[in-house]
Amino acid sequence: MRVFSCICGAPLFFDNTLCTACGRRTGWCESCDGVTGLDPAPEAGADLYRCGTCGTDVALCANYAQHDVCNRTVPAAEAGAFCRVCGMNEVIPNLTVDGNLARWARLEAAKRRLVYGLDRLGLPYGTQTEPPLTFSFMGDGEMAGLWRRAGEAEQVYTGHADGLVTINIREADDAAREATRVDMGEAHRTLIGHFRHEVGHYYWDVLIKGRPDEEARFAEVFGDPNQPTYAEALERHYADGPPPDWQGSFVSSYATMHPWEDWAETFALWLAIASVLDTAAGFGAVRRPLPDDARAMADSYRNLGLVLNELSREMGLTDYAPFIISEAIEAKLAEVHRIMRGAAAEAPLFA
């Protein structure tokens, strides 16, 4: 992530919809690949804008114009359409439920940040892959914005299947998510973390599943996903919990449950490290070029994390970088890095 600029010269940030210096509406322009100030362009058509960076005539994404849950634009010829990120949605929350619009906005903000990271790494998704990556945001048992206990048939489970990432919008309720984090004994539980984890499952299906050589190598590094079966592993995990010495080999206790979850949790950490380093470089906290090696990335993340953890502690917050990256975890990160860099056709890291 980097800092962008308005027409007036003021800094703009990734989620901005307004320049606080000059009052201009702002938005992401696909043509110049950044957030920019937008000037009305009535001569080009009603409700059209002109990008302040590249001069392209654009329209607001339909979700930006109608619900203010997006900040991206589309070409003027596609006025009324969804941007490519909103176009990945299969299901959106029930907006007649009080509070769901705000929850949806938080989900979309996290999704845009996810897609930005995938783009920066040159990773395939969406229509570039089969199945394409899509999203479904649904809730269970909402009544007037409050949560009630839902029956089994009503529950929405966050997960991935055949390219579709489903996230229960309850995760966008800060109080509910924090209560779950504490109950589960997790260091972090965030919306962007959910997206990164589930997209890890997606890439396992796209890049490893059905490829004998990759499946064999996966089993060597993460374990045989068929011994035990996923259902058996799930039952055992929730009955017995993680092994007592799990921190030396796994990113999280949940990663100990099954090799597929180990992969997804490790992938999520790898993507978080890459995104954090890119943002740090954008603000001058680390130097470019960024290391294109998993172990070097982990070292840079550790060094940055030491400072950020102490800053968080000074504010009485949880550690920014709570993960202990052991040699065993570094080896798993290296395997994720190898597969994902191959999928990116050896494009430069964060070009």
Protein backbone atom coordinates (compact mmCIF):
# COMPACT_ATOMS: atom_id res chain seq x y z
CA MET A 1 0.00 0.00 0.00
CA ARG A 2 1.18 3.50 -0.77
CA VAL A 3 0.08 7.09 -0.29
CA PHE A 4 -1.74 8.65 -3.23
CA SER A 5 -2.24 12.31 -4.19
CA CYS A 6 -5.25 14.50 -4.83
CA ILE A 7 -5.41 17.06 -7.62
CA CYS A 8 -4.75 19.70 -4.97
CA GLY A 9 -1.58 17.91 -3.88
CA ALA A 10 -2.91 16.67 -0.55
CA PRO A 11 -2.22 13.05 0.40
CA LEU A 12 -4.93 10.48 -0.18
CA PHE A 13 -5.20 7.06 1.39
CA PHE A 14 -6.56 3.78 0.11
CA ASP A 15 -10.02 4.06 1.70
CA ASN A 16 -10.62 7.77 1.05
CA THR A 17 -13.86 8.88 -0.60
CA LEU A 18 -13.23 12.57 0.03
CA CYS A 19 -10.19 14.84 0.08
CA THR A 20 -10.26 16.57 3.45
CA ALA A 21 -8.09 19.39 2.10
CA CYS A 22 -10.10 20.53 -0.94
CA GLY A 23 -13.40 18.69 -0.50
CA ARG A 24 -13.22 16.82 -3.80
CA ARG A 25 -14.79 13.40 -4.16
CA THR A 26 -12.08 10.78 -4.55
CA GLY A 27 -11.99 7.28 -5.98
CA TRP A 28 -9.86 4.47 -7.32
CA CYS A 29 -9.18 4.81 -11.04
CA GLU A 30 -8.35 1.57 -12.83
CA SER A 31 -6.64 3.42 -15.67
CA CYS A 32 -3.95 4.94 -13.45
CA ASP A 33 -4.12 2.26 -10.74
CA GLY A 34 -4.59 4.54 -7.75
CA VAL A 35 -6.82 6.71 -5.60
CA THR A 36 -7.21 10.19 -7.05
CA GLY A 37 -9.30 13.36 -6.87
CA LEU A 38 -12.33 13.43 -9.15
CA ASP A 39 -13.75 16.51 -10.84
CA PRO A 40 -17.31 16.51 -12.25
CA ALA A 41 -17.34 16.13 -16.04
CA PRO A 42 -20.89 17.14 -17.03
CA GLU A 43 -19.86 17.72 -20.64
CA ALA A 44 -19.04 14.00 -20.85
CA GLY A 45 -22.39 12.94 -19.38
CA ALA A 46 -24.54 13.08 -16.28
CA ASP A 47 -22.93 11.83 -13.06
CA LEU A 48 -19.55 11.39 -14.73
CA TYR A 49 -16.19 12.45 -13.35
CA ARG A 50 -12.71 13.07 -14.69
CA CYS A 51 -9.73 11.40 -13.06
CA GLY A 52 -7.38 14.05 -11.72
CA THR A 53 -4.33 11.90 -12.43
CA CYS A 54 -4.79 10.48 -15.93
CA GLY A 55 -7.76 12.50 -17.25
CA THR A 56 -9.95 9.47 -17.95
CA ASP A 57 -13.72 10.00 -17.76
CA VAL A 58 -15.19 7.66 -15.16
CA ALA A 59 -18.38 6.85 -13.27
CA LEU A 60 -18.74 5.74 -9.68
CA CYS A 61 -19.10 2.02 -9.04
CA ALA A 62 -22.79 1.21 -8.51
CA ASN A 63 -22.08 0.26 -4.90
CA TYR A 64 -20.27 3.58 -4.41
CA ALA A 65 -23.09 5.62 -5.94
CA GLN A 66 -25.99 3.76 -4.31
CA HIS A 67 -24.69 2.49 -0.97
CA ASP A 68 -21.36 4.24 -0.31
CA VAL A 69 -19.68 0.91 0.49
CA CYS A 70 -17.06 1.20 -2.27
CA ASN A 71 -14.65 3.89 -3.46
CA ARG A 72 -13.83 2.58 -6.93
CA THR A 73 -14.82 3.86 -10.36
CA VAL A 74 -15.62 2.28 -13.72
CA PRO A 75 -15.04 3.62 -17.25
CA ALA A 76 -17.62 6.22 -18.29
CA ALA A 77 -19.02 3.83 -20.91
CA GLU A 78 -19.88 1.40 -18.08
CA ALA A 79 -21.80 3.90 -15.92
CA GLY A 80 -24.17 2.08 -13.58
CA ALA A 81 -22.02 -1.06 -13.44
CA PHE A 82 -20.09 -2.56 -10.55
CA CYS A 83 -16.33 -2.17 -10.34
CA ARG A 84 -14.40 -5.39 -10.83
CA VAL A 85 -14.03 -5.89 -7.06
CA CYS A 86 -17.73 -5.47 -6.30
CA GLY A 87 -18.47 -7.56 -9.39
CA MET A 88 -16.95 -10.55 -7.59
CA ASN A 89 -19.89 -10.66 -5.17
CA GLU A 90 -22.43 -13.47 -5.42
CA VAL A 91 -24.48 -12.53 -2.34
CA ILE A 92 -24.58 -9.31 -0.31
CA PRO A 93 -26.06 -8.88 3.19
CA ASN A 94 -29.73 -8.28 3.82
CA LEU A 95 -29.79 -4.48 3.91
CA THR A 96 -33.23 -4.35 5.55
CA VAL A 97 -31.54 -5.51 8.78
CA ASP A 98 -30.42 -2.64 10.98
CA GLY A 99 -26.64 -2.31 11.00
CA ASN A 100 -25.97 -4.54 8.01
CA LEU A 101 -25.06 -1.66 5.69
CA ALA A 102 -22.23 -0.64 8.03
CA ARG A 103 -21.11 -4.26 8.40
CA TRP A 104 -21.13 -4.70 4.62
CA ALA A 105 -19.02 -1.56 4.21
CA ARG A 106 -16.39 -3.05 6.54
CA LEU A 107 -16.40 -6.31 4.59
CA GLU A 108 -15.99 -4.49 1.28
CA ALA A 109 -13.12 -2.40 2.66
CA ALA A 110 -11.30 -5.58 3.70
CA LYS A 111 -12.02 -7.23 0.35
CA ARG A 112 -10.64 -4.27 -1.59
CA ARG A 113 -7.46 -4.44 0.48
CA LEU A 114 -7.21 -8.17 -0.21
CA VAL A 115 -7.60 -7.70 -3.96
CA TYR A 116 -5.05 -4.87 -3.95
CA GLY A 117 -2.53 -7.21 -2.33
CA LEU A 118 -3.22 -9.99 -4.83
CA ASP A 119 -2.82 -7.51 -7.68
CA ARG A 120 0.47 -6.19 -6.29
CA LEU A 121 1.79 -9.74 -6.17
CA GLY A 122 0.55 -10.50 -9.68
CA LEU A 123 -1.53 -13.45 -8.48
CA PRO A 124 -4.33 -14.90 -10.63
CA TYR A 125 -7.95 -14.88 -9.46
CA GLY A 126 -11.42 -14.02 -10.72
CA THR A 127 -11.89 -14.76 -14.39
CA GLN A 128 -8.17 -15.58 -14.72
CA THR A 129 -8.71 -18.91 -12.97
CA GLU A 130 -11.13 -21.81 -12.90
CA PRO A 131 -13.13 -21.64 -10.75
CA PRO A 132 -13.15 -17.84 -10.49
CA LEU A 133 -12.85 -16.27 -7.06
CA THR A 134 -16.20 -14.96 -5.79
CA PHE A 135 -17.67 -13.84 -2.46
CA SER A 136 -20.84 -14.27 -0.46
CA PHE A 137 -21.63 -12.17 2.63
CA MET A 138 -24.54 -13.49 4.69
CA GLY A 139 -25.82 -13.45 8.25
CA ASP A 140 -27.60 -15.93 10.48
CA GLY A 141 -30.39 -15.09 12.88
CA GLU A 142 -30.36 -11.29 12.61
CA MET A 143 -33.24 -9.50 14.29
CA ALA A 144 -33.24 -5.70 14.36
CA GLY A 145 -29.46 -5.64 14.29
CA LEU A 146 -29.08 -7.94 17.30
CA TRP A 147 -27.72 -11.46 17.23
CA ARG A 148 -29.75 -14.41 18.44
CA ARG A 149 -28.82 -18.08 18.66
CA ALA A 150 -29.64 -19.67 15.32
CA GLY A 151 -30.58 -23.23 14.59
CA GLU A 152 -28.20 -25.47 12.66
CA ALA A 153 -30.05 -24.92 9.38
CA GLU A 154 -29.89 -21.13 9.79
CA GLN A 155 -26.18 -20.83 10.53
CA VAL A 156 -23.80 -19.35 7.98
CA TYR A 157 -20.29 -20.74 8.23
CA THR A 158 -17.30 -18.74 7.07
CA GLY A 159 -15.42 -20.89 4.59
CA HIS A 160 -14.49 -21.65 0.99
CA ALA A 161 -15.93 -24.06 -1.57
CA ASP A 162 -15.32 -24.20 -5.34
CA GLY A 163 -14.06 -20.64 -5.59
CA LEU A 164 -16.78 -19.10 -3.42
CA VAL A 165 -15.60 -17.49 -0.18
CA THR A 166 -18.46 -17.12 2.29
CA ILE A 167 -18.09 -14.84 5.30
CA ASN A 168 -20.67 -14.54 8.05
CA ILE A 169 -21.31 -10.81 8.45
CA ARG A 170 -21.26 -11.32 12.21
CA GLU A 171 -17.48 -11.06 11.79
CA ALA A 172 -17.99 -7.40 10.80
CA ASP A 173 -19.51 -6.70 14.22
CA ASP A 174 -16.49 -5.54 16.22
CA ALA A 175 -17.85 -6.54 19.63
CA ALA A 176 -18.97 -9.99 18.47
CA ARG A 177 -15.68 -10.65 16.69
CA GLU A 178 -13.61 -9.61 19.70
CA ALA A 179 -15.68 -11.82 22.00
CA THR A 180 -15.03 -14.76 19.69
CA ARG A 181 -11.32 -13.93 19.53
CA VAL A 182 -11.04 -14.02 23.31
CA ASP A 183 -13.17 -17.17 23.57
CA MET A 184 -11.03 -18.96 20.97
CA GLY A 185 -7.75 -17.77 22.51
CA GLU A 186 -6.63 -16.13 19.26
CA ALA A 187 -3.93 -13.47 19.07
CA HIS A 188 -5.73 -11.73 16.20
CA ARG A 189 -9.16 -12.10 14.63
CA THR A 190 -9.72 -9.60 11.83
CA LEU A 191 -11.80 -9.28 8.69
CA ILE A 192 -8.74 -9.10 6.45
CA GLY A 193 -7.40 -12.17 8.24
CA HIS A 194 -10.55 -14.12 7.36
CA PHE A 195 -10.24 -13.11 3.72
CA ARG A 196 -6.58 -14.11 3.55
CA HIS A 197 -7.22 -17.47 5.21
CA GLU A 198 -10.13 -18.43 2.94
CA VAL A 199 -8.27 -17.28 -0.17
CA GLY A 200 -5.49 -19.61 0.95
CA HIS A 201 -7.96 -22.50 0.58
CA TYR A 202 -8.89 -21.13 -2.84
CA TYR A 203 -5.30 -21.17 -4.03
CA TRP A 204 -4.81 -24.72 -2.70
CA ASP A 205 -7.65 -25.81 -4.99
CA VAL A 206 -6.33 -23.81 -7.96
CA LEU A 207 -2.59 -24.48 -7.68
CA ILE A 208 -2.14 -27.78 -5.81
CA LYS A 209 -5.27 -29.94 -6.01
CA GLY A 210 -5.15 -32.46 -8.84
CA ARG A 211 -1.44 -31.90 -9.54
CA PRO A 212 0.35 -35.07 -8.40
CA ASP A 213 3.81 -33.52 -8.02
CA GLU A 214 2.49 -30.55 -6.04
CA GLU A 215 0.22 -32.73 -3.90
CA ALA A 216 3.17 -34.99 -3.03
CA ARG A 217 5.35 -32.03 -2.11
CA PHE A 218 2.50 -30.53 -0.08
CA ALA A 219 2.21 -33.76 1.91
CA GLU A 220 5.94 -33.68 2.65
CA VAL A 221 5.80 -30.14 4.05
CA PHE A 222 2.33 -29.89 5.59
CA GLY A 223 1.29 -33.51 6.04
CA ASP A 224 -1.00 -35.97 4.26
CA PRO A 225 -4.47 -34.39 4.01
CA ASN A 226 -6.07 -37.84 3.77
CA GLN A 227 -4.61 -39.18 7.03
CA PRO A 228 -6.72 -38.41 8.96
CA THR A 229 -9.68 -37.19 6.94
CA TYR A 230 -10.77 -33.60 7.40
CA ALA A 231 -13.91 -34.65 9.31
CA GLU A 232 -11.88 -36.84 11.67
CA ALA A 233 -9.31 -34.10 12.21
CA LEU A 234 -12.01 -31.53 12.92
CA GLU A 235 -13.67 -33.72 15.53
CA ARG A 236 -10.35 -34.52 17.18
CA HIS A 237 -9.26 -30.88 17.25
CA TYR A 238 -12.36 -29.63 19.00
CA ALA A 239 -12.35 -32.57 21.39
CA ASP A 240 -8.67 -32.51 22.36
CA GLY A 241 -7.32 -29.14 21.25
CA PRO A 242 -3.85 -28.56 19.77
CA PRO A 243 -0.75 -30.51 20.84
CA PRO A 244 1.12 -28.85 23.74
CA ASP A 245 4.19 -27.94 21.68
CA TRP A 246 2.37 -26.58 18.62
CA GLN A 247 4.02 -23.11 18.67
CA GLY A 248 7.29 -24.50 17.33
CA SER A 249 5.79 -25.79 14.09
CA PHE A 250 2.49 -24.02 13.44
CA VAL A 251 1.37 -20.44 12.88
CA SER A 252 -1.70 -20.91 15.08
CA SER A 253 -3.45 -23.55 17.14
CA TYR A 254 -6.07 -23.84 14.38
CA ALA A 255 -3.31 -24.70 11.90
CA THR A 256 -2.67 -27.90 13.88
CA MET A 257 -6.12 -29.20 13.04
CA HIS A 258 -5.43 -30.47 9.49
CA PRO A 259 -2.84 -29.91 6.72
CA TRP A 260 -5.34 -27.87 4.70
CA GLU A 261 -5.81 -25.49 7.62
CA ASP A 262 -2.06 -25.39 8.19
CA TRP A 263 -1.64 -24.31 4.56
CA ALA A 264 -4.40 -21.67 4.79
CA GLU A 265 -3.04 -20.21 8.03
CA THR A 266 0.51 -20.16 6.67
CA PHE A 267 -0.68 -18.61 3.41
CA ALA A 268 -2.55 -15.92 5.36
CA LEU A 269 0.63 -15.07 7.27
CA TRP A 270 2.69 -15.02 4.06
CA LEU A 271 0.23 -12.64 2.40
CA ALA A 272 0.09 -10.48 5.54
CA ILE A 273 3.90 -10.26 5.66
CA ALA A 274 4.09 -9.30 1.98
CA SER A 275 1.36 -6.67 2.36
CA VAL A 276 2.81 -5.22 5.56
CA LEU A 277 6.27 -4.91 4.01
CA ASP A 278 4.82 -3.27 0.90
CA THR A 279 2.95 -0.73 3.03
CA ALA A 280 6.00 -0.11 5.20
CA ALA A 281 8.04 0.53 2.06
CA GLY A 282 5.35 2.89 0.80
CA PHE A 283 5.80 4.97 3.94
CA GLY A 284 9.60 4.75 3.91
CA ALA A 285 9.85 2.44 6.94
CA VAL A 286 11.71 -0.25 4.97
CA ARG A 287 13.71 -0.06 1.78
CA ARG A 288 12.84 -1.21 -1.69
CA PRO A 289 13.32 -3.49 -3.46
CA LEU A 290 11.54 -5.82 -1.07
CA PRO A 291 13.15 -9.24 -0.57
CA ASP A 292 11.81 -11.87 -2.96
CA ASP A 293 12.66 -14.70 -0.57
CA ALA A 294 10.44 -16.08 2.18
CA ARG A 295 13.15 -16.21 4.83
CA ALA A 296 14.36 -12.68 4.07
CA MET A 297 10.73 -11.48 4.14
CA ALA A 298 10.28 -13.12 7.55
CA ASP A 299 13.45 -11.43 8.84
CA SER A 300 12.25 -8.00 7.68
CA TYR A 301 8.85 -8.64 9.23
CA ARG A 302 10.45 -9.66 12.53
CA ASN A 303 12.55 -6.49 12.66
CA LEU A 304 9.56 -4.29 11.87
CA GLY A 305 7.38 -6.25 14.29
CA LEU A 306 9.71 -5.65 17.21
CA VAL A 307 9.20 -1.90 16.88
CA LEU A 308 5.48 -2.10 16.19
CA ASN A 309 4.85 -4.48 19.09
CA GLU A 310 6.48 -2.07 21.53
CA LEU A 311 4.48 0.83 20.11
CA SER A 312 1.28 -1.22 20.51
CA ARG A 313 2.19 -2.05 24.09
CA GLU A 314 2.76 1.63 24.85
CA MET A 315 -0.85 2.20 23.78
CA GLY A 316 -2.13 -0.77 25.77
CA LEU A 317 -3.07 -2.70 22.63
CA THR A 318 -2.47 -6.31 21.64
CA ASP A 319 0.80 -7.09 19.88
CA TYR A 320 0.86 -6.00 16.26
CA ALA A 321 2.96 -9.01 15.19
CA PRO A 322 2.25 -11.81 17.69
CA PHE A 323 3.57 -14.67 15.54
CA ILE A 324 6.73 -16.54 16.49
CA ILE A 325 8.25 -17.54 13.16
CA SER A 326 10.34 -20.62 13.91
CA GLU A 327 12.56 -22.44 11.41
CA ALA A 328 9.76 -24.96 10.82
CA ILE A 329 7.30 -22.17 10.05
CA GLU A 330 9.88 -20.46 7.81
CA ALA A 331 10.12 -23.70 5.79
CA LYS A 332 6.35 -23.70 5.32
CA LEU A 333 6.38 -20.02 4.34
CA ALA A 334 9.08 -20.83 1.80
CA GLU A 335 6.85 -23.50 0.25
CA VAL A 336 3.92 -21.09 0.04
CA HIS A 337 6.25 -18.51 -1.50
CA ARG A 338 7.51 -20.98 -4.11
CA ILE A 339 4.02 -21.93 -5.24
CA MET A 340 2.62 -18.40 -5.28
CA ARG A 341 5.60 -16.89 -7.04
CA GLY A 342 5.27 -19.60 -9.70
CA ALA A 343 1.61 -18.67 -10.12
CA ALA A 344 2.61 -15.05 -10.60
CA ALA A 345 4.74 -16.09 -13.61
CA GLU A 346 7.88 -14.80 -11.86
CA ALA A 347 6.71 -11.20 -11.92
CA PRO A 348 8.76 -8.89 -9.69
CA LEU A 349 7.51 -8.82 -6.11
CA PHE A 350 5.34 -5.70 -5.72
CA ALA A 351 6.45 -4.28 -9.04
